[in-house]
Amino acid sequence: MVKVVILDEPTSGMDPEARRHTWDLLQRHRAKRTMVLTTHFMDEADLLGDRIAIMAGGVMRCCGTSLFLKNKYGECFDCVVASLNRSICLCLVTFMVYLAVSLQCLELLVARHELHPAH
């Protein structure tokens, strides 16, 4: 049995139904394996990851469980996206969540003087 699986953006370019099928497949086969995957989709990281690391500029900026990251960096916000195209809605919402978490991480790093914003 394969013990380590490395996946680079396994659902990139897939429609939402195919993404969900892939997630189900990965969850069914994760027992007794270490899976490392990269993704731009925060919902994917939230669903599949026991630990999530966010990188910016080739450097890991924050790492932890989904709950830890949400408690530490997350703030609530409401957003309504209306479109006849479900794929567009999913992409927009995923991007907004990713952006919100990334901005929270960057704000924390600036506050800690670990990252210096350009003037």
Protein backbone atom coordinates (compact mmCIF):
# COMPACT_ATOMS: atom_id res chain seq x y z
CA MET A 1 0.00 0.00 0.00
CA VAL A 2 1.20 3.51 -0.84
CA LYS A 3 2.01 5.39 2.40
CA VAL A 4 2.60 8.92 1.03
CA VAL A 5 0.56 10.64 -1.66
CA ILE A 6 1.59 14.05 -3.05
CA LEU A 7 -0.93 15.95 -5.16
CA ASP A 8 -0.38 19.31 -6.84
CA GLU A 9 -3.72 21.10 -7.25
CA PRO A 10 -5.65 17.88 -7.91
CA THR A 11 -8.96 19.62 -8.66
CA SER A 12 -7.69 22.60 -10.62
CA GLY A 13 -9.84 23.15 -13.70
CA MET A 14 -12.56 20.73 -12.59
CA ASP A 15 -16.23 21.60 -12.46
CA PRO A 16 -17.85 21.54 -8.97
CA GLU A 17 -19.32 18.05 -9.41
CA ALA A 18 -15.98 16.56 -10.46
CA ARG A 19 -14.24 18.36 -7.58
CA ARG A 20 -16.70 16.85 -5.11
CA HIS A 21 -16.17 13.37 -6.59
CA THR A 22 -12.39 13.79 -6.25
CA TRP A 23 -12.76 14.94 -2.63
CA ASP A 24 -14.88 11.89 -1.84
CA LEU A 25 -12.28 9.63 -3.46
CA LEU A 26 -9.42 11.19 -1.47
CA GLN A 27 -11.35 10.92 1.78
CA ARG A 28 -12.14 7.25 1.17
CA HIS A 29 -8.46 6.43 0.62
CA ARG A 30 -6.79 8.59 3.27
CA ALA A 31 -6.65 6.00 6.05
CA LYS A 32 -3.08 4.99 7.04
CA ARG A 33 -1.61 7.40 4.48
CA THR A 34 0.01 10.77 4.55
CA MET A 35 -1.43 13.04 1.88
CA VAL A 36 0.19 16.33 0.96
CA LEU A 37 -1.67 18.52 -1.50
CA THR A 38 -1.48 22.05 -2.81
CA THR A 39 -4.61 24.02 -3.59
CA HIS A 40 -5.86 27.54 -4.16
CA PHE A 41 -9.29 26.53 -2.82
CA MET A 42 -9.80 27.22 0.88
CA ASP A 43 -12.93 25.05 0.95
CA GLU A 44 -10.83 22.17 -0.36
CA ALA A 45 -8.12 22.76 2.24
CA ASP A 46 -10.79 23.00 4.94
CA LEU A 47 -12.43 19.74 3.90
CA LEU A 48 -9.33 17.63 3.21
CA GLY A 49 -6.63 19.06 5.45
CA ASP A 50 -5.83 18.05 9.01
CA ARG A 51 -3.28 20.86 8.91
CA ILE A 52 -3.33 23.85 6.56
CA ALA A 53 -0.31 25.99 5.69
CA ILE A 54 -0.66 29.28 3.82
CA MET A 55 2.28 30.43 1.74
CA ALA A 56 3.02 33.84 0.27
CA GLY A 57 6.13 34.73 -1.66
CA GLY A 58 7.45 31.19 -1.28
CA VAL A 59 7.41 31.42 2.53
CA MET A 60 5.02 29.67 4.91
CA ARG A 61 3.14 32.48 6.65
CA CYS A 62 0.83 30.51 8.94
CA CYS A 63 -0.01 26.90 9.72
CA GLY A 64 -2.52 25.03 11.82
CA THR A 65 -5.80 23.20 11.86
CA SER A 66 -8.73 24.75 10.07
CA LEU A 67 -10.34 25.63 13.40
CA PHE A 68 -7.11 27.16 14.72
CA LEU A 69 -6.71 29.36 11.64
CA LYS A 70 -10.37 30.44 11.71
CA ASN A 71 -10.17 31.30 15.43
CA LYS A 72 -6.85 33.11 15.11
CA TYR A 73 -7.32 35.01 11.84
CA GLY A 74 -10.94 34.68 10.84
CA GLU A 75 -13.57 37.30 11.17
CA CYS A 76 -17.15 36.93 10.11
CA PHE A 77 -18.41 38.62 7.00
CA ASP A 78 -21.54 38.35 4.94
CA CYS A 79 -21.53 38.31 1.19
CA VAL A 80 -24.24 37.52 -1.30
CA VAL A 81 -23.23 36.33 -4.76
CA ALA A 82 -25.99 35.95 -7.32
CA SER A 83 -25.43 34.43 -10.73
CA LEU A 84 -27.14 31.96 -13.01
CA ASN A 85 -23.81 30.19 -13.38
CA ARG A 86 -23.07 28.06 -10.27
CA SER A 87 -19.41 27.67 -11.23
CA ILE A 88 -18.92 31.43 -11.22
CA CYS A 89 -20.57 31.71 -7.78
CA LEU A 90 -18.38 28.93 -6.38
CA CYS A 91 -15.23 30.50 -7.81
CA LEU A 92 -16.08 33.95 -6.43
CA VAL A 93 -16.93 32.69 -2.96
CA THR A 94 -13.82 30.48 -2.84
CA PHE A 95 -11.65 33.41 -3.91
CA MET A 96 -13.20 35.71 -1.30
CA VAL A 97 -12.59 33.20 1.50
CA TYR A 98 -9.01 32.64 0.34
CA LEU A 99 -8.42 36.38 0.12
CA ALA A 100 -9.91 37.03 3.55
CA VAL A 101 -7.74 34.39 5.27
CA SER A 102 -4.62 35.51 3.36
CA LEU A 103 -5.18 39.16 4.30
CA GLN A 104 -5.67 38.21 7.94
CA CYS A 105 -2.34 36.33 7.91
CA LEU A 106 -0.55 39.25 6.24
CA GLU A 107 -2.02 41.77 8.69
CA LEU A 108 -0.79 39.65 11.59
CA LEU A 109 2.71 39.41 10.12
CA VAL A 110 2.85 43.19 9.62
CA ALA A 111 1.65 43.71 13.20
CA ARG A 112 4.39 41.35 14.46
CA HIS A 113 6.97 43.19 12.28
CA GLU A 114 7.71 39.93 10.45
CA LEU A 115 6.63 41.43 7.13
CA HIS A 116 7.26 45.00 6.08
CA PRO A 117 4.72 46.55 3.72
CA ALA A 118 5.99 48.52 0.77
CA HIS A 119 5.63 52.28 1.19
